[in-house]
Amino acid sequence: MRRYVGKSAATGAILLSLTAFALTGCGADSGKSPQAAGGDAETIYKKQCLSCHGDQLQGRIGPSTNLTKVGGKLDREQIVAQISKGGNGMPGFKGKLNETEIGTLADWLAAKK
């Protein structure tokens, strides 16, 4: 019985860790509104994108999340659409970021070639 309880506790701890990670995943923030981040693209990125796309834009959850050369693949309007609407596993940020923030982020990412 003791071994079973130990394994169950370990399994519970793993599930709790995974749940916590999921809750702090893509687009999660520290409770402050995205508007509080200001208009700086890197600040917005760090607050809203870093958890899935990584601290160097390298992607954290698969090759499609790598943004190091996204501007060579998508133009600004396509990047705006992707950020706003999401798709291919990415959530949309239209309700979390305002148009100015999305545009600032898109301009910054479009320059990554």
PDB file of N, CA and C in Angstrom:
ATOM      1  N   MET A   1       0.825  -1.190   0.000  1.00  0.00           N
ATOM      2  CA  MET A   1       0.000   0.000   0.000  1.00  0.00           C
ATOM      3  C   MET A   1       0.863   1.245   0.000  1.00  0.00           C
ATOM      4  N   ARG A   2       1.932   1.246   0.748  1.00  0.00           N
ATOM      5  CA  ARG A   2       2.801   2.404   0.844  1.00  0.00           C
ATOM      6  C   ARG A   2       3.397   2.762  -0.513  1.00  0.00           C
ATOM      7  N   ARG A   3       3.834   1.769  -1.278  1.00  0.00           N
ATOM      8  CA  ARG A   3       4.408   2.041  -2.599  1.00  0.00           C
ATOM      9  C   ARG A   3       3.366   2.682  -3.511  1.00  0.00           C
ATOM     10  N   TYR A   4       2.139   2.216  -3.448  1.00  0.00           N
ATOM     11  CA  TYR A   4       1.085   2.765  -4.286  1.00  0.00           C
ATOM     12  C   TYR A   4       0.828   4.231  -3.942  1.00  0.00           C
ATOM     13  N   VAL A   5       0.776   4.545  -2.665  1.00  0.00           N
ATOM     14  CA  VAL A   5       0.554   5.919  -2.234  1.00  0.00           C
ATOM     15  C   VAL A   5       1.695   6.801  -2.713  1.00  0.00           C
ATOM     16  N   GLY A   6       2.937   6.335  -2.622  1.00  0.00           N
ATOM     17  CA  GLY A   6       4.095   7.097  -3.087  1.00  0.00           C
ATOM     18  C   GLY A   6       4.018   7.379  -4.570  1.00  0.00           C
ATOM     19  N   LYS A   7       3.659   6.366  -5.333  1.00  0.00           N
ATOM     20  CA  LYS A   7       3.534   6.560  -6.782  1.00  0.00           C
ATOM     21  C   LYS A   7       2.382   7.500  -7.100  1.00  0.00           C
ATOM     22  N   SER A   8       1.310   7.364  -6.358  1.00  0.00           N
ATOM     23  CA  SER A   8       0.157   8.236  -6.583  1.00  0.00           C
ATOM     24  C   SER A   8       0.509   9.687  -6.263  1.00  0.00           C
ATOM     25  N   ALA A   9       1.243   9.894  -5.190  1.00  0.00           N
ATOM     26  CA  ALA A   9       1.653  11.253  -4.827  1.00  0.00           C
ATOM     27  C   ALA A   9       2.588  11.826  -5.884  1.00  0.00           C
ATOM     28  N   ALA A  10       3.510  10.997  -6.365  1.00  0.00           N
ATOM     29  CA  ALA A  10       4.437  11.456  -7.405  1.00  0.00           C
ATOM     30  C   ALA A  10       3.676  11.792  -8.681  1.00  0.00           C
ATOM     31  N   THR A  11       2.721  10.956  -9.048  1.00  0.00           N
ATOM     32  CA  THR A  11       1.910  11.220 -10.230  1.00  0.00           C
ATOM     33  C   THR A  11       1.113  12.508 -10.057  1.00  0.00           C
ATOM     34  N   GLY A  12       0.569  12.698  -8.858  1.00  0.00           N
ATOM     35  CA  GLY A  12      -0.183  13.921  -8.574  1.00  0.00           C
ATOM     36  C   GLY A  12       0.689  15.156  -8.678  1.00  0.00           C
ATOM     37  N   ALA A  13       1.928  15.051  -8.190  1.00  0.00           N
ATOM     38  CA  ALA A  13       2.858  16.182  -8.261  1.00  0.00           C
ATOM     39  C   ALA A  13       3.199  16.513  -9.710  1.00  0.00           C
ATOM     40  N   ILE A  14       3.379  15.485 -10.517  1.00  0.00           N
ATOM     41  CA  ILE A  14       3.674  15.700 -11.939  1.00  0.00           C
ATOM     42  C   ILE A  14       2.491  16.364 -12.626  1.00  0.00           C
ATOM     43  N   LEU A  15       1.296  15.863 -12.364  1.00  0.00           N
ATOM     44  CA  LEU A  15       0.099  16.455 -12.973  1.00  0.00           C
ATOM     45  C   LEU A  15      -0.090  17.901 -12.531  1.00  0.00           C
ATOM     46  N   LEU A  16       0.171  18.169 -11.265  1.00  0.00           N
ATOM     47  CA  LEU A  16       0.064  19.541 -10.763  1.00  0.00           C
ATOM     48  C   LEU A  16       1.073  20.446 -11.456  1.00  0.00           C
ATOM     49  N   SER A  17       2.297  19.960 -11.649  1.00  0.00           N
ATOM     50  CA  SER A  17       3.334  20.747 -12.339  1.00  0.00           C
ATOM     51  C   SER A  17       2.937  21.027 -13.773  1.00  0.00           C
ATOM     52  N   LEU A  18       2.423  20.000 -14.459  1.00  0.00           N
ATOM     53  CA  LEU A  18       2.005  20.186 -15.850  1.00  0.00           C
ATOM     54  C   LEU A  18       0.839  21.161 -15.954  1.00  0.00           C
ATOM     55  N   THR A  19      -0.093  21.077 -15.010  1.00  0.00           N
ATOM     56  CA  THR A  19      -1.217  22.004 -15.002  1.00  0.00           C
ATOM     57  C   THR A  19      -0.735  23.431 -14.778  1.00  0.00           C
ATOM     58  N   ALA A  20       0.186  23.610 -13.840  1.00  0.00           N
ATOM     59  CA  ALA A  20       0.737  24.944 -13.580  1.00  0.00           C
ATOM     60  C   ALA A  20       1.441  25.477 -14.813  1.00  0.00           C
ATOM     61  N   PHE A  21       2.198  24.610 -15.511  1.00  0.00           N
ATOM     62  CA  PHE A  21       2.882  25.035 -16.730  1.00  0.00           C
ATOM     63  C   PHE A  21       1.860  25.447 -17.789  1.00  0.00           C
ATOM     64  N   ALA A  22       0.806  24.661 -17.940  1.00  0.00           N
ATOM     65  CA  ALA A  22      -0.214  24.980 -18.941  1.00  0.00           C
ATOM     66  C   ALA A  22      -0.879  26.315 -18.635  1.00  0.00           C
ATOM     67  N   LEU A  23      -1.126  26.578 -17.360  1.00  0.00           N
ATOM     68  CA  LEU A  23      -1.764  27.836 -16.990  1.00  0.00           C
ATOM     69  C   LEU A  23      -0.857  29.037 -17.180  1.00  0.00           C
ATOM     70  N   THR A  24       0.460  28.821 -17.200  1.00  0.00           N
ATOM     71  CA  THR A  24       1.386  29.926 -17.414  1.00  0.00           C
ATOM     72  C   THR A  24       1.941  29.902 -18.825  1.00  0.00           C
ATOM     73  N   GLY A  25       1.314  29.167 -19.723  1.00  0.00           N
ATOM     74  CA  GLY A  25       1.786  29.001 -21.088  1.00  0.00           C
ATOM     75  C   GLY A  25       1.475  30.175 -21.979  1.00  0.00           C
ATOM     76  N   CYS A  26       1.280  29.908 -23.245  1.00  0.00           N
ATOM     77  CA  CYS A  26       1.107  30.936 -24.269  1.00  0.00           C
ATOM     78  C   CYS A  26       0.137  32.020 -23.842  1.00  0.00           C
ATOM     79  N   GLY A  27       0.618  33.233 -23.878  1.00  0.00           N
ATOM     80  CA  GLY A  27      -0.228  34.385 -23.639  1.00  0.00           C
ATOM     81  C   GLY A  27      -0.541  34.659 -22.190  1.00  0.00           C
ATOM     82  N   ALA A  28      -0.037  33.834 -21.289  1.00  0.00           N
ATOM     83  CA  ALA A  28      -0.305  34.093 -19.881  1.00  0.00           C
ATOM     84  C   ALA A  28       0.459  35.341 -19.448  1.00  0.00           C
ATOM     85  N   ASP A  29      -0.101  36.060 -18.516  1.00  0.00           N
ATOM     86  CA  ASP A  29       0.605  37.234 -18.021  1.00  0.00           C
ATOM     87  C   ASP A  29       0.591  37.235 -16.508  1.00  0.00           C
ATOM     88  N   SER A  30       1.175  38.219 -15.929  1.00  0.00           N
ATOM     89  CA  SER A  30       1.319  38.274 -14.483  1.00  0.00           C
ATOM     90  C   SER A  30       0.137  38.964 -13.813  1.00  0.00           C
ATOM     91  N   GLY A  31      -0.973  39.112 -14.508  1.00  0.00           N
ATOM     92  CA  GLY A  31      -2.132  39.761 -13.940  1.00  0.00           C
ATOM     93  C   GLY A  31      -2.277  41.202 -14.376  1.00  0.00           C
ATOM     94  N   LYS A  32      -1.257  41.771 -14.968  1.00  0.00           N
ATOM     95  CA  LYS A  32      -1.332  43.140 -15.464  1.00  0.00           C
ATOM     96  C   LYS A  32      -1.909  43.099 -16.869  1.00  0.00           C
ATOM     97  N   SER A  33      -2.600  44.137 -17.264  1.00  0.00           N
ATOM     98  CA  SER A  33      -3.158  44.167 -18.607  1.00  0.00           C
ATOM     99  C   SER A  33      -2.044  44.341 -19.632  1.00  0.00           C
ATOM    100  N   PRO A  34      -2.236  43.824 -20.863  1.00  0.00           N
ATOM    101  CA  PRO A  34      -1.233  44.008 -21.900  1.00  0.00           C
ATOM    102  C   PRO A  34      -0.932  45.481 -22.159  1.00  0.00           C
ATOM    103  N   GLN A  35      -1.930  46.342 -21.976  1.00  0.00           N
ATOM    104  CA  GLN A  35      -1.725  47.757 -22.213  1.00  0.00           C
ATOM    105  C   GLN A  35      -0.692  48.323 -21.241  1.00  0.00           C
ATOM    106  N   ALA A  36      -0.560  47.720 -20.058  1.00  0.00           N
ATOM    107  CA  ALA A  36       0.414  48.195 -19.085  1.00  0.00           C
ATOM    108  C   ALA A  36       1.836  47.958 -19.571  1.00  0.00           C
ATOM    109  N   ALA A  37       1.985  47.065 -20.555  1.00  0.00           N
ATOM    110  CA  ALA A  37       3.316  46.776 -21.086  1.00  0.00           C
ATOM    111  C   ALA A  37       3.832  47.911 -21.946  1.00  0.00           C
ATOM    112  N   GLY A  38       2.969  48.816 -22.364  1.00  0.00           N
ATOM    113  CA  GLY A  38       3.394  49.914 -23.215  1.00  0.00           C
ATOM    114  C   GLY A  38       3.475  49.495 -24.660  1.00  0.00           C
ATOM    115  N   GLY A  39       4.084  50.341 -25.491  1.00  0.00           N
ATOM    116  CA  GLY A  39       4.152  50.080 -26.916  1.00  0.00           C
ATOM    117  C   GLY A  39       5.435  49.427 -27.363  1.00  0.00           C
ATOM    118  N   ASP A  40       6.342  49.095 -26.465  1.00  0.00           N
ATOM    119  CA  ASP A  40       7.613  48.501 -26.821  1.00  0.00           C
ATOM    120  C   ASP A  40       7.418  47.039 -27.226  1.00  0.00           C
ATOM    121  N   ALA A  41       7.828  46.701 -28.447  1.00  0.00           N
ATOM    122  CA  ALA A  41       7.618  45.357 -28.981  1.00  0.00           C
ATOM    123  C   ALA A  41       8.268  44.283 -28.122  1.00  0.00           C
ATOM    124  N   GLU A  42       9.477  44.534 -27.665  1.00  0.00           N
ATOM    125  CA  GLU A  42      10.157  43.514 -26.861  1.00  0.00           C
ATOM    126  C   GLU A  42       9.458  43.292 -25.521  1.00  0.00           C
ATOM    127  N   THR A  43       8.931  44.355 -24.953  1.00  0.00           N
ATOM    128  CA  THR A  43       8.194  44.228 -23.690  1.00  0.00           C
ATOM    129  C   THR A  43       6.924  43.422 -23.909  1.00  0.00           C
ATOM    130  N   ILE A  44       6.204  43.728 -24.980  1.00  0.00           N
ATOM    131  CA  ILE A  44       4.982  42.990 -25.307  1.00  0.00           C
ATOM    132  C   ILE A  44       5.324  41.526 -25.556  1.00  0.00           C
ATOM    133  N   TYR A  45       6.374  41.284 -26.330  1.00  0.00           N
ATOM    134  CA  TYR A  45       6.810  39.924 -26.639  1.00  0.00           C
ATOM    135  C   TYR A  45       7.118  39.162 -25.350  1.00  0.00           C
ATOM    136  N   LYS A  46       7.886  39.766 -24.473  1.00  0.00           N
ATOM    137  CA  LYS A  46       8.272  39.086 -23.234  1.00  0.00           C
ATOM    138  C   LYS A  46       7.056  38.736 -22.391  1.00  0.00           C
ATOM    139  N   LYS A  47       6.065  39.604 -22.401  1.00  0.00           N
ATOM    140  CA  LYS A  47       4.870  39.389 -21.596  1.00  0.00           C
ATOM    141  C   LYS A  47       3.897  38.381 -22.210  1.00  0.00           C
ATOM    142  N   GLN A  48       3.767  38.380 -23.519  1.00  0.00           N
ATOM    143  CA  GLN A  48       2.724  37.585 -24.163  1.00  0.00           C
ATOM    144  C   GLN A  48       3.211  36.401 -25.010  1.00  0.00           C
ATOM    145  N   CYS A  49       4.457  36.420 -25.443  1.00  0.00           N
ATOM    146  CA  CYS A  49       4.898  35.459 -26.455  1.00  0.00           C
ATOM    147  C   CYS A  49       6.033  34.540 -26.017  1.00  0.00           C
ATOM    148  N   LEU A  50       6.819  35.007 -25.085  1.00  0.00           N
ATOM    149  CA  LEU A  50       8.039  34.317 -24.681  1.00  0.00           C
ATOM    150  C   LEU A  50       7.802  32.875 -24.242  1.00  0.00           C
ATOM    151  N   SER A  51       6.712  32.608 -23.568  1.00  0.00           N
ATOM    152  CA  SER A  51       6.476  31.262 -23.037  1.00  0.00           C
ATOM    153  C   SER A  51       6.389  30.203 -24.134  1.00  0.00           C
ATOM    154  N   CYS A  52       5.922  30.552 -25.299  1.00  0.00           N
ATOM    155  CA  CYS A  52       5.841  29.589 -26.406  1.00  0.00           C
ATOM    156  C   CYS A  52       6.947  29.773 -27.441  1.00  0.00           C
ATOM    157  N   HIS A  53       7.383  31.008 -27.630  1.00  0.00           N
ATOM    158  CA  HIS A  53       8.349  31.302 -28.696  1.00  0.00           C
ATOM    159  C   HIS A  53       9.792  31.446 -28.209  1.00  0.00           C
ATOM    160  N   GLY A  54      10.014  31.452 -26.898  1.00  0.00           N
ATOM    161  CA  GLY A  54      11.359  31.460 -26.340  1.00  0.00           C
ATOM    162  C   GLY A  54      11.981  32.832 -26.206  1.00  0.00           C
ATOM    163  N   ASP A  55      13.025  32.900 -25.383  1.00  0.00           N
ATOM    164  CA  ASP A  55      13.661  34.185 -25.099  1.00  0.00           C
ATOM    165  C   ASP A  55      14.521  34.698 -26.252  1.00  0.00           C
ATOM    166  N   GLN A  56      14.836  33.839 -27.209  1.00  0.00           N
ATOM    167  CA  GLN A  56      15.615  34.241 -28.388  1.00  0.00           C
ATOM    168  C   GLN A  56      14.805  34.041 -29.677  1.00  0.00           C
ATOM    169  N   LEU A  57      13.485  33.944 -29.565  1.00  0.00           N
ATOM    170  CA  LEU A  57      12.572  33.688 -30.675  1.00  0.00           C
ATOM    171  C   LEU A  57      12.786  32.306 -31.294  1.00  0.00           C
ATOM    172  N   GLN A  58      13.485  31.426 -30.592  1.00  0.00           N
ATOM    173  CA  GLN A  58      13.894  30.136 -31.116  1.00  0.00           C
ATOM    174  C   GLN A  58      12.761  29.110 -31.148  1.00  0.00           C
ATOM    175  N   GLY A  59      11.666  29.385 -30.495  1.00  0.00           N
ATOM    176  CA  GLY A  59      10.570  28.423 -30.427  1.00  0.00           C
ATOM    177  C   GLY A  59      10.788  27.464 -29.284  1.00  0.00           C
ATOM    178  N   ARG A  60       9.742  27.233 -28.529  1.00  0.00           N
ATOM    179  CA  ARG A  60       9.859  26.339 -27.380  1.00  0.00           C
ATOM    180  C   ARG A  60       9.017  25.096 -27.522  1.00  0.00           C
ATOM    181  N   ILE A  61       8.019  25.104 -28.399  1.00  0.00           N
ATOM    182  CA  ILE A  61       7.120  23.951 -28.467  1.00  0.00           C
ATOM    183  C   ILE A  61       7.002  23.416 -29.887  1.00  0.00           C
ATOM    184  N   GLY A  62       8.109  23.409 -30.593  1.00  0.00           N
ATOM    185  CA  GLY A  62       8.132  22.855 -31.942  1.00  0.00           C
ATOM    186  C   GLY A  62       8.660  23.847 -32.954  1.00  0.00           C
ATOM    187  N   PRO A  63       9.036  23.334 -34.124  1.00  0.00           N
ATOM    188  CA  PRO A  63       9.654  24.179 -35.152  1.00  0.00           C
ATOM    189  C   PRO A  63       8.766  25.330 -35.635  1.00  0.00           C
ATOM    190  N   SER A  64       7.467  25.145 -35.625  1.00  0.00           N
ATOM    191  CA  SER A  64       6.587  26.209 -36.119  1.00  0.00           C
ATOM    192  C   SER A  64       6.548  27.408 -35.176  1.00  0.00           C
ATOM    193  N   THR A  65       7.067  27.264 -33.968  1.00  0.00           N
ATOM    194  CA  THR A  65       7.075  28.387 -33.025  1.00  0.00           C
ATOM    195  C   THR A  65       8.360  29.208 -33.109  1.00  0.00           C
ATOM    196  N   ASN A  66       9.277  28.819 -33.970  1.00  0.00           N
ATOM    197  CA  ASN A  66      10.525  29.560 -34.167  1.00  0.00           C
ATOM    198  C   ASN A  66      10.227  30.822 -34.975  1.00  0.00           C
ATOM    199  N   LEU A  67      10.571  31.978 -34.424  1.00  0.00           N
ATOM    200  CA  LEU A  67      10.297  33.260 -35.077  1.00  0.00           C
ATOM    201  C   LEU A  67      11.562  33.994 -35.496  1.00  0.00           C
ATOM    202  N   THR A  68      12.718  33.332 -35.437  1.00  0.00           N
ATOM    203  CA  THR A  68      13.978  34.021 -35.717  1.00  0.00           C
ATOM    204  C   THR A  68      14.017  34.635 -37.109  1.00  0.00           C
ATOM    205  N   LYS A  69      13.326  34.052 -38.076  1.00  0.00           N
ATOM    206  CA  LYS A  69      13.319  34.575 -39.452  1.00  0.00           C
ATOM    207  C   LYS A  69      11.896  34.692 -39.991  1.00  0.00           C
ATOM    208  N   VAL A  70      10.961  34.975 -39.103  1.00  0.00           N
ATOM    209  CA  VAL A  70       9.555  35.023 -39.504  1.00  0.00           C
ATOM    210  C   VAL A  70       9.283  36.087 -40.565  1.00  0.00           C
ATOM    211  N   GLY A  71      10.020  37.203 -40.527  1.00  0.00           N
ATOM    212  CA  GLY A  71       9.828  38.273 -41.507  1.00  0.00           C
ATOM    213  C   GLY A  71      10.216  37.863 -42.920  1.00  0.00           C
ATOM    214  N   GLY A  72      11.011  36.820 -43.062  1.00  0.00           N
ATOM    215  CA  GLY A  72      11.365  36.294 -44.374  1.00  0.00           C
ATOM    216  C   GLY A  72      10.310  35.344 -44.927  1.00  0.00           C
ATOM    217  N   LYS A  73       9.404  34.905 -44.060  1.00  0.00           N
ATOM    218  CA  LYS A  73       8.357  33.961 -44.453  1.00  0.00           C
ATOM    219  C   LYS A  73       6.990  34.631 -44.584  1.00  0.00           C
ATOM    220  N   LEU A  74       6.726  35.588 -43.685  1.00  0.00           N
ATOM    221  CA  LEU A  74       5.432  36.274 -43.661  1.00  0.00           C
ATOM    222  C   LEU A  74       5.639  37.777 -43.740  1.00  0.00           C
ATOM    223  N   ASP A  75       4.736  38.464 -44.443  1.00  0.00           N
ATOM    224  CA  ASP A  75       4.825  39.930 -44.452  1.00  0.00           C
ATOM    225  C   ASP A  75       4.084  40.480 -43.228  1.00  0.00           C
ATOM    226  N   ARG A  76       4.169  41.781 -43.041  1.00  0.00           N
ATOM    227  CA  ARG A  76       3.589  42.409 -41.855  1.00  0.00           C
ATOM    228  C   ARG A  76       2.101  42.085 -41.693  1.00  0.00           C
ATOM    229  N   GLU A  77       1.337  42.165 -42.776  1.00  0.00           N
ATOM    230  CA  GLU A  77      -0.102  41.916 -42.695  1.00  0.00           C
ATOM    231  C   GLU A  77      -0.396  40.475 -42.285  1.00  0.00           C
ATOM    232  N   GLN A  78       0.401  39.537 -42.782  1.00  0.00           N
ATOM    233  CA  GLN A  78       0.219  38.133 -42.406  1.00  0.00           C
ATOM    234  C   GLN A  78       0.555  37.926 -40.927  1.00  0.00           C
ATOM    235  N   ILE A  79       1.573  38.617 -40.459  1.00  0.00           N
ATOM    236  CA  ILE A  79       1.943  38.523 -39.048  1.00  0.00           C
ATOM    237  C   ILE A  79       0.844  39.123 -38.177  1.00  0.00           C
ATOM    238  N   VAL A  80       0.292  40.264 -38.585  1.00  0.00           N
ATOM    239  CA  VAL A  80      -0.828  40.871 -37.857  1.00  0.00           C
ATOM    240  C   VAL A  80      -1.979  39.886 -37.774  1.00  0.00           C
ATOM    241  N   ALA A  81      -2.319  39.257 -38.892  1.00  0.00           N
ATOM    242  CA  ALA A  81      -3.427  38.293 -38.914  1.00  0.00           C
ATOM    243  C   ALA A  81      -3.147  37.109 -37.991  1.00  0.00           C
ATOM    244  N   GLN A  82      -1.919  36.608 -38.003  1.00  0.00           N
ATOM    245  CA  GLN A  82      -1.565  35.465 -37.159  1.00  0.00           C
ATOM    246  C   GLN A  82      -1.668  35.825 -35.682  1.00  0.00           C
ATOM    247  N   ILE A  83      -1.163  36.987 -35.322  1.00  0.00           N
ATOM    248  CA  ILE A  83      -1.231  37.417 -33.923  1.00  0.00           C
ATOM    249  C   ILE A  83      -2.694  37.632 -33.518  1.00  0.00           C
ATOM    250  N   SER A  84      -3.453  38.296 -34.357  1.00  0.00           N
ATOM    251  CA  SER A  84      -4.845  38.623 -34.034  1.00  0.00           C
ATOM    252  C   SER A  84      -5.741  37.398 -33.952  1.00  0.00           C
ATOM    253  N   LYS A  85      -5.696  36.568 -34.994  1.00  0.00           N
ATOM    254  CA  LYS A  85      -6.626  35.443 -35.107  1.00  0.00           C
ATOM    255  C   LYS A  85      -6.066  34.133 -34.575  1.00  0.00           C
ATOM    256  N   GLY A  86      -4.740  34.006 -34.550  1.00  0.00           N
ATOM    257  CA  GLY A  86      -4.132  32.743 -34.143  1.00  0.00           C
ATOM    258  C   GLY A  86      -4.242  31.715 -35.254  1.00  0.00           C
ATOM    259  N   GLY A  87      -4.132  30.480 -34.900  1.00  0.00           N
ATOM    260  CA  GLY A  87      -4.216  29.374 -35.852  1.00  0.00           C
ATOM    261  C   GLY A  87      -2.965  28.524 -35.807  1.00  0.00           C
ATOM    262  N   ASN A  88      -3.079  27.307 -36.285  1.00  0.00           N
ATOM    263  CA  ASN A  88      -1.970  26.345 -36.258  1.00  0.00           C
ATOM    264  C   ASN A  88      -1.434  26.148 -34.844  1.00  0.00           C
ATOM    265  N   GLY A  89      -2.318  26.058 -33.884  1.00  0.00           N
ATOM    266  CA  GLY A  89      -1.928  25.819 -32.501  1.00  0.00           C
ATOM    267  C   GLY A  89      -1.707  27.081 -31.676  1.00  0.00           C
ATOM    268  N   MET A  90      -1.677  28.223 -32.324  1.00  0.00           N
ATOM    269  CA  MET A  90      -1.451  29.479 -31.602  1.00  0.00           C
ATOM    270  C   MET A  90      -2.798  30.123 -31.272  1.00  0.00           C
ATOM    271  N   PRO A  91      -2.960  30.604 -30.050  1.00  0.00           N
ATOM    272  CA  PRO A  91      -4.200  31.318 -29.724  1.00  0.00           C
ATOM    273  C   PRO A  91      -4.204  32.711 -30.344  1.00  0.00           C
ATOM    274  N   GLY A  92      -5.365  33.240 -30.609  1.00  0.00           N
ATOM    275  CA  GLY A  92      -5.484  34.607 -31.098  1.00  0.00           C
ATOM    276  C   GLY A  92      -5.334  35.591 -29.944  1.00  0.00           C
ATOM    277  N   PHE A  93      -4.766  36.753 -30.232  1.00  0.00           N
ATOM    278  CA  PHE A  93      -4.516  37.746 -29.198  1.00  0.00           C
ATOM    279  C   PHE A  93      -5.310  39.026 -29.410  1.00  0.00           C
ATOM    280  N   LYS A  94      -6.309  38.989 -30.292  1.00  0.00           N
ATOM    281  CA  LYS A  94      -7.093  40.195 -30.562  1.00  0.00           C
ATOM    282  C   LYS A  94      -7.738  40.759 -29.295  1.00  0.00           C
ATOM    283  N   GLY A  95      -8.187  39.954 -28.403  1.00  0.00           N
ATOM    284  CA  GLY A  95      -8.805  40.425 -27.163  1.00  0.00           C
ATOM    285  C   GLY A  95      -7.805  40.752 -26.059  1.00  0.00           C
ATOM    286  N   LYS A  96      -6.573  40.272 -26.195  1.00  0.00           N
ATOM    287  CA  LYS A  96      -5.557  40.493 -25.161  1.00  0.00           C
ATOM    288  C   LYS A  96      -4.650  41.669 -25.485  1.00  0.00           C
ATOM    289  N   LEU A  97      -4.453  41.936 -26.766  1.00  0.00           N
ATOM    290  CA  LEU A  97      -3.604  43.043 -27.209  1.00  0.00           C
ATOM    291  C   LEU A  97      -4.448  44.009 -28.029  1.00  0.00           C
ATOM    292  N   ASN A  98      -4.184  45.299 -27.906  1.00  0.00           N
ATOM    293  CA  ASN A  98      -4.915  46.253 -28.732  1.00  0.00           C
ATOM    294  C   ASN A  98      -4.247  46.348 -30.115  1.00  0.00           C
ATOM    295  N   GLU A  99      -4.863  47.065 -31.030  1.00  0.00           N
ATOM    296  CA  GLU A  99      -4.342  47.173 -32.405  1.00  0.00           C
ATOM    297  C   GLU A  99      -2.930  47.751 -32.455  1.00  0.00           C
ATOM    298  N   THR A 100      -2.669  48.740 -31.631  1.00  0.00           N
ATOM    299  CA  THR A 100      -1.342  49.360 -31.609  1.00  0.00           C
ATOM    300  C   THR A 100      -0.287  48.354 -31.169  1.00  0.00           C
ATOM    301  N   GLU A 101      -0.588  47.598 -30.127  1.00  0.00           N
ATOM    302  CA  GLU A 101       0.354  46.593 -29.639  1.00  0.00           C
ATOM    303  C   GLU A 101       0.593  45.501 -30.681  1.00  0.00           C
ATOM    304  N   ILE A 102      -0.464  45.063 -31.334  1.00  0.00           N
ATOM    305  CA  ILE A 102      -0.321  44.046 -32.384  1.00  0.00           C
ATOM    306  C   ILE A 102       0.523  44.595 -33.530  1.00  0.00           C
ATOM    307  N   GLY A 103       0.269  45.838 -33.924  1.00  0.00           N
ATOM    308  CA  GLY A 103       1.040  46.466 -34.996  1.00  0.00           C
ATOM    309  C   GLY A 103       2.505  46.640 -34.629  1.00  0.00           C
ATOM    310  N   THR A 104       2.766  47.051 -33.399  1.00  0.00           N
ATOM    311  CA  THR A 104       4.139  47.227 -32.934  1.00  0.00           C
ATOM    312  C   THR A 104       4.874  45.897 -32.956  1.00  0.00           C
ATOM    313  N   LEU A 105       4.220  44.854 -32.473  1.00  0.00           N
ATOM    314  CA  LEU A 105       4.797  43.525 -32.452  1.00  0.00           C
ATOM    315  C   LEU A 105       5.021  43.009 -33.878  1.00  0.00           C
ATOM    316  N   ALA A 106       4.058  43.241 -34.763  1.00  0.00           N
ATOM    317  CA  ALA A 106       4.168  42.805 -36.159  1.00  0.00           C
ATOM    318  C   ALA A 106       5.315  43.529 -36.886  1.00  0.00           C
ATOM    319  N   ASP A 107       5.459  44.816 -36.661  1.00  0.00           N
ATOM    320  CA  ASP A 107       6.561  45.566 -37.270  1.00  0.00           C
ATOM    321  C   ASP A 107       7.907  44.979 -36.845  1.00  0.00           C
ATOM    322  N   TRP A 108       8.029  44.726 -35.555  1.00  0.00           N
ATOM    323  CA  TRP A 108       9.256  44.182 -34.994  1.00  0.00           C
ATOM    324  C   TRP A 108       9.570  42.788 -35.562  1.00  0.00           C
ATOM    325  N   LEU A 109       8.542  41.947 -35.616  1.00  0.00           N
ATOM    326  CA  LEU A 109       8.732  40.581 -36.121  1.00  0.00           C
ATOM    327  C   LEU A 109       8.984  40.563 -37.635  1.00  0.00           C
ATOM    328  N   ALA A 110       8.344  41.461 -38.374  1.00  0.00           N
ATOM    329  CA  ALA A 110       8.539  41.518 -39.822  1.00  0.00           C
ATOM    330  C   ALA A 110       9.981  41.849 -40.181  1.00  0.00           C
ATOM    331  N   ALA A 111      10.693  42.510 -39.295  1.00  0.00           N
ATOM    332  CA  ALA A 111      12.096  42.842 -39.538  1.00  0.00           C
ATOM    333  C   ALA A 111      13.040  41.665 -39.280  1.00  0.00           C
ATOM    334  N   LYS A 112      12.528  40.582 -38.710  1.00  0.00           N
ATOM    335  CA  LYS A 112      13.331  39.393 -38.418  1.00  0.00           C
ATOM    336  C   LYS A 112      13.424  38.529 -39.669  1.00  0.00           C
ATOM    337  N   LYS A 113      14.516  38.684 -40.405  1.00  0.00           N
ATOM    338  CA  LYS A 113      14.658  37.958 -41.682  1.00  0.00           C
ATOM    339  C   LYS A 113      15.874  37.091 -41.718  1.00  0.00           C
TER     340      LYS A 113
END
